[in-house]
């Protein structure tokens, strides 16, 4: 069995519902798959002495899960006062409207189509519900609307799908763009260097104890894949499916459709920079 301490980002041993930091509690959705890993992590975040909580990514439209999130907050003596979305993919956001009905909350997101209420989210926004401080960090690339949330008091960042607890994420072409994704990773690296962030609370997979190590791994992985795609093109593999079959031959074929989206984003990036 591999020691988690030697894996990228130093993941915790298991993914489970329950406290992850002093202020963040996970409620794991029952939607495990090759794409969602163990399922979607729905985060309840609150100050230790507050009766108000913020929920990040209610997850899929699963009544049992949504009620489990409400119950978890209630068991801690808290009322959910606000719902936030990291991005609009269904495994994170499909249940948001129903969750808003259950809790009477507004839903804030970058994409206006996902909001319930007049207020959205933008770079530099600070959430202060119940005395909590959550800073909005723009991290486009996986999708155009991807956001992360910096939780300074816990030296943590909630990353949605920008950084996962296990493996790597896709750049969801054409909405996601590789150049933006690389810039987002560098932005997260600056949080680890300049703001002392050491914990990643991801949208899927285990909590990561070494945020800087995780970001550095992601940057190195992207550089390696980009070089592989460039070489594949030079060797005559001209279409995205052909490149995936060549470059991702060691990856589970069930993940090839997602890999193809990333390859298309990589081809766009190489073309924009005159490399192919």
Protein backbone atom coordinates (compact mmCIF):
# COMPACT_ATOMS: atom_id res chain seq x y z
CA UNK A 1 0.00 0.00 0.00
CA UNK A 2 1.41 3.39 -1.01
CA UNK A 3 2.17 5.84 1.79
CA UNK A 4 -0.11 8.88 1.28
CA UNK A 5 2.71 11.15 2.45
CA UNK A 6 4.67 10.41 -0.74
CA UNK A 7 1.74 11.04 -3.08
CA UNK A 8 1.24 14.48 -4.68
CA UNK A 9 -0.27 16.86 -2.16
CA UNK A 10 -0.10 14.35 0.72
CA UNK A 11 -3.74 13.18 0.57
CA UNK A 12 -5.48 11.97 3.68
CA UNK A 13 -6.12 8.24 3.79
CA UNK A 14 -9.84 8.24 3.05
CA UNK A 15 -12.71 10.31 1.72
CA UNK A 16 -15.54 10.49 4.21
CA UNK A 17 -18.25 12.74 5.52
CA UNK A 18 -17.25 14.73 8.60
CA UNK A 19 -14.97 17.52 9.80
CA UNK A 20 -11.94 18.29 7.64
CA UNK A 21 -10.70 21.49 9.28
CA UNK A 22 -11.89 23.56 12.22
CA UNK A 23 -14.41 25.34 9.99
CA UNK A 24 -15.11 22.92 7.12
CA UNK A 25 -17.23 19.77 7.21
CA UNK A 26 -17.69 17.45 4.23
CA UNK A 27 -20.92 15.68 3.27
CA UNK A 28 -20.01 13.16 0.57
CA UNK A 29 -22.58 12.74 -2.20
CA UNK A 30 -23.46 9.19 -3.33
CA UNK A 31 -22.43 9.78 -6.95
CA UNK A 32 -19.10 7.97 -7.19
CA UNK A 33 -17.81 7.31 -10.72
CA UNK A 34 -14.64 7.37 -12.76
CA UNK A 35 -15.20 11.10 -13.30
CA UNK A 36 -16.33 12.04 -9.78
CA UNK A 37 -13.95 9.74 -7.85
CA UNK A 38 -15.57 8.92 -4.48
CA UNK A 39 -18.42 11.38 -5.15
CA UNK A 40 -18.91 15.12 -4.86
CA UNK A 41 -17.65 16.77 -1.69
CA UNK A 42 -20.31 19.19 -0.43
CA UNK A 43 -18.71 21.56 2.04
CA UNK A 44 -20.41 23.13 5.06
CA UNK A 45 -18.27 26.02 6.28
CA UNK A 46 -18.85 28.06 9.44
CA UNK A 47 -17.10 29.84 12.28
CA UNK A 48 -16.86 27.52 15.31
CA UNK A 49 -19.13 29.69 17.47
CA UNK A 50 -21.59 30.73 14.73
CA UNK A 51 -25.17 29.56 14.24
CA UNK A 52 -24.92 30.35 10.51
CA UNK A 53 -23.24 28.21 7.86
CA UNK A 54 -22.33 28.50 4.18
CA UNK A 55 -22.64 25.51 1.84
CA UNK A 56 -20.33 25.19 -1.15
CA UNK A 57 -21.52 22.94 -4.02
CA UNK A 58 -24.76 21.20 -2.94
CA UNK A 59 -23.96 18.56 -5.53
CA UNK A 60 -26.25 16.46 -7.71
CA UNK A 61 -30.04 16.55 -7.61
CA UNK A 62 -30.27 13.78 -5.05
CA UNK A 63 -32.94 14.41 -2.41
CA UNK A 64 -31.29 12.16 0.14
CA UNK A 65 -27.96 13.93 -0.19
CA UNK A 66 -29.44 17.42 -0.06
CA UNK A 67 -31.37 16.58 3.09
CA UNK A 68 -28.25 14.99 4.58
CA UNK A 69 -26.44 18.32 4.14
CA UNK A 70 -29.27 20.17 5.89
CA UNK A 71 -29.28 17.57 8.68
CA UNK A 72 -25.51 17.75 9.15
CA UNK A 73 -25.70 21.50 9.65
CA UNK A 74 -28.67 21.13 12.00
CA UNK A 75 -26.93 18.51 14.11
CA UNK A 76 -24.13 21.03 14.65
CA UNK A 77 -26.68 23.63 15.76
CA UNK A 78 -26.38 25.66 12.57
CA UNK A 79 -28.72 27.10 9.97
CA UNK A 80 -27.59 27.23 6.35
CA UNK A 81 -27.69 30.88 5.35
CA UNK A 82 -26.00 30.94 1.93
CA UNK A 83 -25.15 28.59 -0.95
CA UNK A 84 -22.10 29.07 -3.18
CA UNK A 85 -21.06 27.28 -6.37
CA UNK A 86 -17.52 26.66 -7.58
CA UNK A 87 -18.82 26.09 -11.14
CA UNK A 88 -21.83 24.88 -13.05
CA UNK A 89 -21.14 21.20 -13.78
CA UNK A 90 -24.12 19.08 -12.76
CA UNK A 91 -22.29 17.03 -10.14
CA UNK A 92 -21.67 20.27 -8.22
CA UNK A 93 -24.63 22.47 -9.10
CA UNK A 94 -27.60 20.43 -10.33
CA UNK A 95 -29.09 20.23 -6.83
CA UNK A 96 -28.65 23.95 -6.07
CA UNK A 97 -32.19 25.07 -6.91
CA UNK A 98 -33.78 22.29 -4.84
CA UNK A 99 -31.30 22.96 -2.03
CA UNK A 100 -32.32 26.62 -2.08
CA UNK A 101 -35.94 25.52 -1.65
CA UNK A 102 -35.03 23.33 1.32
CA UNK A 103 -32.97 26.01 3.05
CA UNK A 104 -34.48 29.30 1.86
CA UNK A 105 -31.03 30.48 0.79
CA UNK A 106 -29.74 32.51 -2.11
CA UNK A 107 -27.37 30.80 -4.54
CA UNK A 108 -24.34 32.84 -5.54
CA UNK A 109 -22.19 31.88 -8.53
CA UNK A 110 -20.06 33.50 -11.20
CA UNK A 111 -22.42 32.43 -13.99
CA UNK A 112 -25.66 34.50 -13.83
CA UNK A 113 -27.62 31.50 -15.14
CA UNK A 114 -26.81 29.59 -11.94
CA UNK A 115 -27.72 32.32 -9.45
CA UNK A 116 -30.83 32.47 -7.33
CA UNK A 117 -30.99 36.06 -6.12
CA UNK A 118 -29.50 39.28 -7.39
CA UNK A 119 -25.97 38.87 -6.07
CA UNK A 120 -23.28 36.96 -7.93
CA UNK A 121 -19.63 36.28 -7.22
CA UNK A 122 -16.56 38.03 -8.57
CA UNK A 123 -12.82 38.24 -7.96
CA UNK A 124 -12.07 40.02 -4.72
CA UNK A 125 -15.45 39.34 -3.11
CA UNK A 126 -15.32 38.38 0.56
CA UNK A 127 -18.09 36.28 2.11
CA UNK A 128 -18.70 37.24 5.74
CA UNK A 129 -21.80 35.21 6.67
CA UNK A 130 -21.88 34.48 10.39
CA UNK A 131 -18.46 36.08 10.86
CA UNK A 132 -16.88 33.67 8.39
CA UNK A 133 -14.26 35.01 5.99
CA UNK A 134 -14.21 33.35 2.57
CA UNK A 135 -12.32 35.09 -0.22
CA UNK A 136 -13.37 34.49 -3.83
CA UNK A 137 -10.46 33.44 -6.05
CA UNK A 138 -11.06 33.31 -9.83
CA UNK A 139 -9.69 30.02 -11.17
CA UNK A 140 -11.00 29.61 -14.72
CA UNK A 141 -9.67 26.87 -16.98
CA UNK A 142 -11.44 23.68 -15.98
CA UNK A 143 -14.50 25.72 -16.98
CA UNK A 144 -14.84 29.40 -17.74
CA UNK A 145 -16.87 29.95 -14.56
CA UNK A 146 -14.64 28.04 -12.12
CA UNK A 147 -13.98 29.69 -8.76
CA UNK A 148 -12.08 28.71 -5.64
CA UNK A 149 -12.65 29.95 -2.09
CA UNK A 150 -9.80 30.90 0.23
CA UNK A 151 -10.51 30.16 3.91
CA UNK A 152 -7.73 32.13 5.62
CA UNK A 153 -8.54 31.12 9.20
CA UNK A 154 -7.94 27.46 8.34
CA UNK A 155 -5.11 28.18 5.89
CA UNK A 156 -7.18 26.28 3.36
CA UNK A 157 -8.59 26.68 -0.14
CA UNK A 158 -11.72 25.03 -1.55
CA UNK A 159 -10.88 24.29 -5.18
CA UNK A 160 -13.93 22.63 -6.77
CA UNK A 161 -12.54 20.76 -9.78
CA UNK A 162 -9.51 23.00 -10.32
CA UNK A 163 -7.46 20.71 -8.07
CA UNK A 164 -8.76 17.26 -7.13
CA UNK A 165 -7.80 15.14 -4.15
CA UNK A 166 -6.61 12.33 -6.41
CA UNK A 167 -5.38 12.31 -10.00
CA UNK A 168 -5.73 15.38 -12.20
CA UNK A 169 -8.62 17.31 -13.68
CA UNK A 170 -9.66 17.96 -17.27
CA UNK A 171 -9.74 21.23 -19.15
CA UNK A 172 -13.31 21.09 -20.45
CA UNK A 173 -12.82 22.39 -24.00
CA UNK A 174 -14.19 24.60 -25.50
CA UNK A 175 -15.49 26.28 -22.33
CA UNK A 176 -12.27 25.52 -20.48
CA UNK A 177 -9.00 26.97 -21.77
CA UNK A 178 -5.51 25.73 -20.97
CA UNK A 179 -3.87 29.15 -20.77
CA UNK A 180 -6.43 30.26 -18.20
CA UNK A 181 -6.02 27.01 -16.29
CA UNK A 182 -2.26 27.40 -16.03
CA UNK A 183 -2.73 30.98 -14.81
CA UNK A 184 -5.21 29.72 -12.21
CA UNK A 185 -2.74 27.14 -10.94
CA UNK A 186 -0.12 29.86 -10.59
CA UNK A 187 -2.67 31.99 -8.71
CA UNK A 188 -3.26 29.11 -6.30
CA UNK A 189 0.47 28.62 -5.92
CA UNK A 190 0.75 32.25 -4.82
CA UNK A 191 -1.79 31.52 -2.06
CA UNK A 192 0.48 28.77 -0.77
CA UNK A 193 3.60 30.93 -0.94
CA UNK A 194 2.27 34.36 0.07
CA UNK A 195 -0.79 33.53 2.20
CA UNK A 196 0.26 30.36 3.97
CA UNK A 197 -2.37 28.07 2.49
CA UNK A 198 -1.43 24.46 3.18
CA UNK A 199 -4.71 22.52 2.88
CA UNK A 200 -6.76 21.80 -0.25
CA UNK A 201 -10.44 21.01 0.24
CA UNK A 202 -11.28 19.62 -3.21
CA UNK A 203 -14.57 19.02 -4.98
CA UNK A 204 -13.71 15.31 -5.28
CA UNK A 205 -11.28 13.02 -3.52
CA UNK A 206 -9.42 13.29 -0.22
CA UNK A 207 -8.26 16.43 1.52
CA UNK A 208 -4.69 17.38 0.59
CA UNK A 209 -2.32 18.41 3.35
CA UNK A 210 0.37 19.87 1.06
CA UNK A 211 -1.29 22.50 -1.11
CA UNK A 212 1.94 23.77 -2.63
CA UNK A 213 3.05 20.26 -3.50
CA UNK A 214 -0.29 19.61 -5.17
CA UNK A 215 -0.09 22.78 -7.27
CA UNK A 216 3.48 22.07 -8.31
CA UNK A 217 2.47 18.54 -9.32
CA UNK A 218 -0.39 19.88 -11.43
CA UNK A 219 1.85 22.42 -13.16
CA UNK A 220 4.46 19.75 -13.91
CA UNK A 221 1.80 17.32 -15.14
CA UNK A 222 0.34 19.92 -17.51
CA UNK A 223 3.77 20.78 -18.90
CA UNK A 224 4.49 17.07 -19.43
CA UNK A 225 1.17 16.41 -21.18
CA UNK A 226 1.60 19.48 -23.36
CA UNK A 227 5.03 18.26 -24.48
CA UNK A 228 3.58 14.82 -25.20
CA UNK A 229 0.80 16.30 -27.34
CA UNK A 230 3.26 18.50 -29.23
CA UNK A 231 5.46 15.46 -29.94
CA UNK A 232 2.45 13.40 -31.02
CA UNK A 233 1.48 16.08 -33.54
CA UNK A 234 5.04 16.19 -34.86
CA UNK A 235 4.86 12.41 -35.29
CA UNK A 236 1.76 12.63 -37.45
CA UNK A 237 -1.09 12.21 -34.95
CA UNK A 238 -3.31 15.04 -36.15
CA UNK A 239 -6.72 14.46 -34.58
CA UNK A 240 -7.69 14.65 -30.93
CA UNK A 241 -8.89 11.00 -30.79
CA UNK A 242 -5.64 9.80 -32.37
CA UNK A 243 -3.58 11.84 -29.90
CA UNK A 244 -5.58 10.50 -26.95
CA UNK A 245 -5.04 6.90 -28.07
CA UNK A 246 -1.30 7.58 -28.35
CA UNK A 247 -0.64 9.81 -25.31
CA UNK A 248 -3.23 8.38 -22.90
CA UNK A 249 -2.70 4.70 -23.72
CA UNK A 250 -2.01 3.98 -20.03
CA UNK A 251 -5.24 5.66 -18.88
CA UNK A 252 -8.56 3.86 -18.34
CA UNK A 253 -10.40 4.14 -21.70
CA UNK A 254 -13.54 5.22 -19.83
CA UNK A 255 -11.68 8.49 -19.19
CA UNK A 256 -10.68 9.03 -22.82
CA UNK A 257 -13.67 11.30 -23.63
CA UNK A 258 -12.55 13.65 -20.84
CA UNK A 259 -8.95 13.34 -22.01
CA UNK A 260 -10.05 14.31 -25.51
CA UNK A 261 -11.47 17.58 -24.18
CA UNK A 262 -8.13 18.34 -22.54
CA UNK A 263 -6.27 17.44 -25.73
CA UNK A 264 -8.44 19.81 -27.74
CA UNK A 265 -7.63 22.54 -25.22
CA UNK A 266 -3.93 21.69 -25.53
CA UNK A 267 -4.08 21.84 -29.33
CA UNK A 268 -5.73 25.26 -29.14
CA UNK A 269 -3.02 26.43 -26.74
CA UNK A 270 -0.21 25.16 -28.95
CA UNK A 271 -1.78 26.77 -31.99
CA UNK A 272 -2.27 30.11 -30.24
CA UNK A 273 1.41 30.12 -29.26
CA UNK A 274 2.63 29.11 -32.73
CA UNK A 275 4.00 25.80 -31.52
CA UNK A 276 2.16 23.65 -34.07
